[in-house]
PDB file of N, CA and C in Angstrom:
ATOM      1  N   UNK A   1       0.841  -1.167   0.000  1.00  0.00           N
ATOM      2  CA  UNK A   1       0.000   0.000   0.000  1.00  0.00           C
ATOM      3  C   UNK A   1       0.895   1.242   0.000  1.00  0.00           C
ATOM      4  N   UNK A   2       0.542   2.229  -0.816  1.00  0.00           N
ATOM      5  CA  UNK A   2       1.336   3.459  -0.850  1.00  0.00           C
ATOM      6  C   UNK A   2       0.678   4.524   0.010  1.00  0.00           C
ATOM      7  N   UNK A   3       1.489   5.321   0.591  1.00  0.00           N
ATOM      8  CA  UNK A   3       0.981   6.426   1.398  1.00  0.00           C
ATOM      9  C   UNK A   3       1.373   7.724   0.728  1.00  0.00           C
ATOM     10  N   UNK A   4       0.422   8.606   0.587  1.00  0.00           N
ATOM     11  CA  UNK A   4       0.701   9.902   0.002  1.00  0.00           C
ATOM     12  C   UNK A   4       0.724  10.950   1.103  1.00  0.00           C
ATOM     13  N   UNK A   5       1.791  11.711   1.117  1.00  0.00           N
ATOM     14  CA  UNK A   5       1.881  12.795   2.086  1.00  0.00           C
ATOM     15  C   UNK A   5       1.083  13.993   1.609  1.00  0.00           C
ATOM     16  N   UNK A   6       0.709  14.821   2.514  1.00  0.00           N
ATOM     17  CA  UNK A   6       0.001  16.039   2.145  1.00  0.00           C
ATOM     18  C   UNK A   6       0.913  17.228   2.398  1.00  0.00           C
ATOM     19  N   UNK A   7       0.837  18.166   1.510  1.00  0.00           N
ATOM     20  CA  UNK A   7       1.638  19.383   1.627  1.00  0.00           C
ATOM     21  C   UNK A   7       0.698  20.557   1.802  1.00  0.00           C
ATOM     22  N   UNK A   8       0.898  21.301   2.841  1.00  0.00           N
ATOM     23  CA  UNK A   8       0.065  22.481   3.092  1.00  0.00           C
ATOM     24  C   UNK A   8       0.400  23.566   2.075  1.00  0.00           C
ATOM     25  N   UNK A   9      -0.635  24.245   1.571  1.00  0.00           N
ATOM     26  CA  UNK A   9      -0.388  25.372   0.689  1.00  0.00           C
ATOM     27  C   UNK A   9       0.242  26.486   1.484  1.00  0.00           C
ATOM     28  N   UNK A  10       1.224  27.128   0.887  1.00  0.00           N
ATOM     29  CA  UNK A  10       1.851  28.247   1.571  1.00  0.00           C
ATOM     30  C   UNK A  10       2.348  29.250   0.543  1.00  0.00           C
ATOM     31  N   UNK A  11       2.577  30.430   0.991  1.00  0.00           N
ATOM     32  CA  UNK A  11       3.055  31.513   0.138  1.00  0.00           C
ATOM     33  C   UNK A  11       4.569  31.380  -0.009  1.00  0.00           C
ATOM     34  N   UNK A  12       5.019  31.275  -1.234  1.00  0.00           N
ATOM     35  CA  UNK A  12       6.447  31.153  -1.506  1.00  0.00           C
ATOM     36  C   UNK A  12       6.860  32.339  -2.360  1.00  0.00           C
ATOM     37  N   UNK A  13       7.916  33.007  -1.976  1.00  0.00           N
ATOM     38  CA  UNK A  13       8.439  34.106  -2.775  1.00  0.00           C
ATOM     39  C   UNK A  13       9.756  33.681  -3.393  1.00  0.00           C
ATOM     40  N   UNK A  14       9.980  34.114  -4.627  1.00  0.00           N
ATOM     41  CA  UNK A  14      11.226  33.814  -5.314  1.00  0.00           C
ATOM     42  C   UNK A  14      12.173  34.983  -5.061  1.00  0.00           C
ATOM     43  N   UNK A  15      13.231  34.774  -4.291  1.00  0.00           N
ATOM     44  CA  UNK A  15      14.134  35.874  -3.966  1.00  0.00           C
ATOM     45  C   UNK A  15      14.910  36.351  -5.197  1.00  0.00           C
ATOM     46  N   UNK A  16      15.085  37.652  -5.287  1.00  0.00           N
ATOM     47  CA  UNK A  16      15.900  38.239  -6.342  1.00  0.00           C
ATOM     48  C   UNK A  16      15.167  38.556  -7.622  1.00  0.00           C
ATOM     49  N   UNK A  17      13.957  38.020  -7.823  1.00  0.00           N
ATOM     50  CA  UNK A  17      13.184  38.280  -9.039  1.00  0.00           C
ATOM     51  C   UNK A  17      11.844  38.877  -8.634  1.00  0.00           C
ATOM     52  N   UNK A  18      11.381  39.882  -9.367  1.00  0.00           N
ATOM     53  CA  UNK A  18      10.094  40.518  -9.072  1.00  0.00           C
ATOM     54  C   UNK A  18       8.955  39.501  -9.199  1.00  0.00           C
ATOM     55  N   UNK A  19       8.802  38.852 -10.337  1.00  0.00           N
ATOM     56  CA  UNK A  19       7.882  37.751 -10.589  1.00  0.00           C
ATOM     57  C   UNK A  19       6.397  38.098 -10.420  1.00  0.00           C
ATOM     58  N   UNK A  20       6.038  39.392 -10.502  1.00  0.00           N
ATOM     59  CA  UNK A  20       4.638  39.816 -10.438  1.00  0.00           C
ATOM     60  C   UNK A  20       3.962  39.462 -11.764  1.00  0.00           C
ATOM     61  N   UNK A  21       2.759  38.880 -11.687  1.00  0.00           N
ATOM     62  CA  UNK A  21       2.040  38.451 -12.891  1.00  0.00           C
ATOM     63  C   UNK A  21       1.418  39.631 -13.626  1.00  0.00           C
ATOM     64  N   UNK A  22       1.473  39.574 -14.963  1.00  0.00           N
ATOM     65  CA  UNK A  22       0.799  40.563 -15.795  1.00  0.00           C
ATOM     66  C   UNK A  22      -0.699  40.298 -15.722  1.00  0.00           C
ATOM     67  N   UNK A  23      -1.539  41.331 -15.549  1.00  0.00           N
ATOM     68  CA  UNK A  23      -2.984  41.118 -15.473  1.00  0.00           C
ATOM     69  C   UNK A  23      -3.507  40.380 -16.706  1.00  0.00           C
ATOM     70  N   UNK A  24      -4.412  39.439 -16.490  1.00  0.00           N
ATOM     71  CA  UNK A  24      -5.041  38.669 -17.569  1.00  0.00           C
ATOM     72  C   UNK A  24      -4.035  37.879 -18.402  1.00  0.00           C
ATOM     73  N   UNK A  25      -2.925  37.461 -17.803  1.00  0.00           N
ATOM     74  CA  UNK A  25      -1.889  36.727 -18.533  1.00  0.00           C
ATOM     75  C   UNK A  25      -1.152  35.779 -17.596  1.00  0.00           C
ATOM     76  N   UNK A  26      -0.337  34.918 -18.157  1.00  0.00           N
ATOM     77  CA  UNK A  26       0.514  34.045 -17.347  1.00  0.00           C
ATOM     78  C   UNK A  26       1.933  34.580 -17.271  1.00  0.00           C
ATOM     79  N   UNK A  27       2.233  35.669 -17.985  1.00  0.00           N
ATOM     80  CA  UNK A  27       3.576  36.251 -17.961  1.00  0.00           C
ATOM     81  C   UNK A  27       3.863  36.843 -16.600  1.00  0.00           C
ATOM     82  N   UNK A  28       5.123  36.785 -16.207  1.00  0.00           N
ATOM     83  CA  UNK A  28       5.559  37.366 -14.937  1.00  0.00           C
ATOM     84  C   UNK A  28       6.773  38.243 -15.170  1.00  0.00           C
ATOM     85  N   UNK A  29       6.934  39.245 -14.320  1.00  0.00           N
ATOM     86  CA  UNK A  29       8.040  40.192 -14.449  1.00  0.00           C
ATOM     87  C   UNK A  29       9.369  39.472 -14.238  1.00  0.00           C
ATOM     88  N   UNK A  30      10.305  39.727 -15.132  1.00  0.00           N
ATOM     89  CA  UNK A  30      11.623  39.093 -15.068  1.00  0.00           C
ATOM     90  C   UNK A  30      12.716  40.043 -14.572  1.00  0.00           C
ATOM     91  N   UNK A  31      12.320  41.210 -14.073  1.00  0.00           N
ATOM     92  CA  UNK A  31      13.296  42.169 -13.541  1.00  0.00           C
ATOM     93  C   UNK A  31      13.688  41.799 -12.108  1.00  0.00           C
ATOM     94  N   UNK A  32      14.678  42.487 -11.573  1.00  0.00           N
ATOM     95  CA  UNK A  32      15.096  42.243 -10.192  1.00  0.00           C
ATOM     96  C   UNK A  32      13.995  42.665  -9.221  1.00  0.00           C
ATOM     97  N   UNK A  33      14.003  42.098  -8.040  1.00  0.00           N
ATOM     98  CA  UNK A  33      12.940  42.322  -7.054  1.00  0.00           C
ATOM     99  C   UNK A  33      12.779  43.780  -6.651  1.00  0.00           C
ATOM    100  N   UNK A  34      13.831  44.562  -6.690  1.00  0.00           N
ATOM    101  CA  UNK A  34      13.755  45.955  -6.222  1.00  0.00           C
ATOM    102  C   UNK A  34      13.691  46.974  -7.363  1.00  0.00           C
ATOM    103  N   UNK A  35      13.243  46.556  -8.556  1.00  0.00           N
ATOM    104  CA  UNK A  35      13.235  47.480  -9.696  1.00  0.00           C
ATOM    105  C   UNK A  35      12.212  48.590  -9.497  1.00  0.00           C
ATOM    106  N   UNK A  36      12.396  49.669 -10.229  1.00  0.00           N
ATOM    107  CA  UNK A  36      11.472  50.802 -10.211  1.00  0.00           C
ATOM    108  C   UNK A  36      10.764  50.864 -11.564  1.00  0.00           C
ATOM    109  N   UNK A  37       9.629  51.520 -11.598  1.00  0.00           N
ATOM    110  CA  UNK A  37       8.911  51.697 -12.853  1.00  0.00           C
ATOM    111  C   UNK A  37       8.086  50.478 -13.229  1.00  0.00           C
ATOM    112  N   UNK A  38       7.813  50.366 -14.528  1.00  0.00           N
ATOM    113  CA  UNK A  38       6.941  49.313 -15.029  1.00  0.00           C
ATOM    114  C   UNK A  38       7.565  47.929 -14.891  1.00  0.00           C
ATOM    115  N   UNK A  39       6.686  46.921 -14.863  1.00  0.00           N
ATOM    116  CA  UNK A  39       7.142  45.533 -14.888  1.00  0.00           C
ATOM    117  C   UNK A  39       7.503  45.183 -16.325  1.00  0.00           C
ATOM    118  N   UNK A  40       8.379  44.202 -16.506  1.00  0.00           N
ATOM    119  CA  UNK A  40       8.839  43.821 -17.844  1.00  0.00           C
ATOM    120  C   UNK A  40       9.005  42.311 -17.928  1.00  0.00           C
ATOM    121  N   UNK A  41       8.563  41.736 -19.030  1.00  0.00           N
ATOM    122  CA  UNK A  41       8.823  40.325 -19.325  1.00  0.00           C
ATOM    123  C   UNK A  41       9.642  40.320 -20.606  1.00  0.00           C
ATOM    124  N   UNK A  42      10.923  39.975 -20.503  1.00  0.00           N
ATOM    125  CA  UNK A  42      11.841  40.095 -21.634  1.00  0.00           C
ATOM    126  C   UNK A  42      11.690  38.997 -22.678  1.00  0.00           C
ATOM    127  N   UNK A  43      11.036  37.901 -22.360  1.00  0.00           N
ATOM    128  CA  UNK A  43      10.992  36.750 -23.261  1.00  0.00           C
ATOM    129  C   UNK A  43       9.698  36.672 -24.056  1.00  0.00           C
ATOM    130  N   UNK A  44       9.028  37.787 -24.262  1.00  0.00           N
ATOM    131  CA  UNK A  44       7.782  37.823 -25.027  1.00  0.00           C
ATOM    132  C   UNK A  44       7.824  38.999 -25.991  1.00  0.00           C
ATOM    133  N   UNK A  45       6.779  39.140 -26.753  1.00  0.00           N
ATOM    134  CA  UNK A  45       6.704  40.223 -27.718  1.00  0.00           C
ATOM    135  C   UNK A  45       7.203  39.774 -29.075  1.00  0.00           C
ATOM    136  N   UNK A  46       7.069  40.636 -30.067  1.00  0.00           N
ATOM    137  CA  UNK A  46       7.462  40.260 -31.425  1.00  0.00           C
ATOM    138  C   UNK A  46       8.978  40.073 -31.569  1.00  0.00           C
ATOM    139  N   UNK A  47       9.348  39.174 -32.450  1.00  0.00           N
ATOM    140  CA  UNK A  47      10.758  38.914 -32.746  1.00  0.00           C
ATOM    141  C   UNK A  47      11.200  39.862 -33.850  1.00  0.00           C
ATOM    142  N   UNK A  48      12.210  40.680 -33.565  1.00  0.00           N
ATOM    143  CA  UNK A  48      12.731  41.634 -34.534  1.00  0.00           C
ATOM    144  C   UNK A  48      14.249  41.484 -34.616  1.00  0.00           C
ATOM    145  N   UNK A  49      14.748  41.118 -35.771  1.00  0.00           N
ATOM    146  CA  UNK A  49      16.184  40.930 -35.986  1.00  0.00           C
ATOM    147  C   UNK A  49      16.789  39.973 -34.958  1.00  0.00           C
ATOM    148  N   UNK A  50      16.046  38.947 -34.609  1.00  0.00           N
ATOM    149  CA  UNK A  50      16.545  37.932 -33.685  1.00  0.00           C
ATOM    150  C   UNK A  50      16.400  38.268 -32.210  1.00  0.00           C
ATOM    151  N   UNK A  51      15.779  39.395 -31.895  1.00  0.00           N
ATOM    152  CA  UNK A  51      15.609  39.797 -30.493  1.00  0.00           C
ATOM    153  C   UNK A  51      14.122  39.998 -30.187  1.00  0.00           C
ATOM    154  N   UNK A  52      13.728  39.690 -28.967  1.00  0.00           N
ATOM    155  CA  UNK A  52      12.354  39.928 -28.523  1.00  0.00           C
ATOM    156  C   UNK A  52      12.262  41.325 -27.910  1.00  0.00           C
ATOM    157  N   UNK A  53      11.206  42.029 -28.236  1.00  0.00           N
ATOM    158  CA  UNK A  53      11.008  43.387 -27.712  1.00  0.00           C
ATOM    159  C   UNK A  53      10.595  43.366 -26.252  1.00  0.00           C
ATOM    160  N   UNK A  54       9.980  42.277 -25.817  1.00  0.00           N
ATOM    161  CA  UNK A  54       9.504  42.201 -24.437  1.00  0.00           C
ATOM    162  C   UNK A  54       8.124  42.819 -24.301  1.00  0.00           C
ATOM    163  N   UNK A  55       7.548  42.637 -23.134  1.00  0.00           N
ATOM    164  CA  UNK A  55       6.230  43.169 -22.813  1.00  0.00           C
ATOM    165  C   UNK A  55       6.345  43.908 -21.489  1.00  0.00           C
ATOM    166  N   UNK A  56       5.679  45.044 -21.357  1.00  0.00           N
ATOM    167  CA  UNK A  56       5.711  45.771 -20.087  1.00  0.00           C
ATOM    168  C   UNK A  56       4.291  46.136 -19.678  1.00  0.00           C
ATOM    169  N   UNK A  57       4.101  46.363 -18.377  1.00  0.00           N
ATOM    170  CA  UNK A  57       2.808  46.761 -17.833  1.00  0.00           C
ATOM    171  C   UNK A  57       3.039  47.556 -16.556  1.00  0.00           C
ATOM    172  N   UNK A  58       2.094  48.443 -16.191  1.00  0.00           N
ATOM    173  CA  UNK A  58       2.278  49.310 -15.020  1.00  0.00           C
ATOM    174  C   UNK A  58       2.132  48.555 -13.704  1.00  0.00           C
ATOM    175  N   UNK A  59       2.692  49.131 -12.669  1.00  0.00           N
ATOM    176  CA  UNK A  59       2.550  48.591 -11.314  1.00  0.00           C
ATOM    177  C   UNK A  59       1.126  48.796 -10.825  1.00  0.00           C
ATOM    178  N   UNK A  60       0.649  47.895  -9.971  1.00  0.00           N
ATOM    179  CA  UNK A  60      -0.663  48.015  -9.334  1.00  0.00           C
ATOM    180  C   UNK A  60      -0.459  48.052  -7.826  1.00  0.00           C
ATOM    181  N   UNK A  61      -1.315  48.730  -7.132  1.00  0.00           N
ATOM    182  CA  UNK A  61      -1.201  48.812  -5.675  1.00  0.00           C
ATOM    183  C   UNK A  61      -1.437  47.449  -5.042  1.00  0.00           C
ATOM    184  N   UNK A  62      -0.608  47.072  -4.088  1.00  0.00           N
ATOM    185  CA  UNK A  62      -0.793  45.863  -3.301  1.00  0.00           C
ATOM    186  C   UNK A  62      -0.495  44.553  -3.989  1.00  0.00           C
ATOM    187  N   UNK A  63       0.175  44.568  -5.139  1.00  0.00           N
ATOM    188  CA  UNK A  63       0.444  43.317  -5.836  1.00  0.00           C
ATOM    189  C   UNK A  63       1.547  42.499  -5.155  1.00  0.00           C
ATOM    190  N   UNK A  64       1.441  41.168  -5.249  1.00  0.00           N
ATOM    191  CA  UNK A  64       2.438  40.271  -4.662  1.00  0.00           C
ATOM    192  C   UNK A  64       2.762  39.178  -5.670  1.00  0.00           C
ATOM    193  N   UNK A  65       3.848  38.458  -5.432  1.00  0.00           N
ATOM    194  CA  UNK A  65       4.249  37.381  -6.330  1.00  0.00           C
ATOM    195  C   UNK A  65       3.180  36.291  -6.418  1.00  0.00           C
ATOM    196  N   UNK A  66       2.399  36.102  -5.390  1.00  0.00           N
ATOM    197  CA  UNK A  66       1.420  35.020  -5.346  1.00  0.00           C
ATOM    198  C   UNK A  66       0.149  35.330  -6.124  1.00  0.00           C
ATOM    199  N   UNK A  67       0.020  36.547  -6.665  1.00  0.00           N
ATOM    200  CA  UNK A  67      -1.191  36.900  -7.432  1.00  0.00           C
ATOM    201  C   UNK A  67      -1.382  35.970  -8.610  1.00  0.00           C
TER     202      UNK A  67
END
């Protein structure tokens, strides 16, 4: 008989990365945790000359990595 352990849900933060989710998307900010200004996801957006332009969005009040 196998026994399955249970893991309690908990809030986990990724140190060093902002990781705030873009509204209505699965993208997350890839900037450092203490950045200023808009959030940015560098690995999205149109491909131009072999580089991605990235996607940015404004900060929202009270946002956390767990959103």
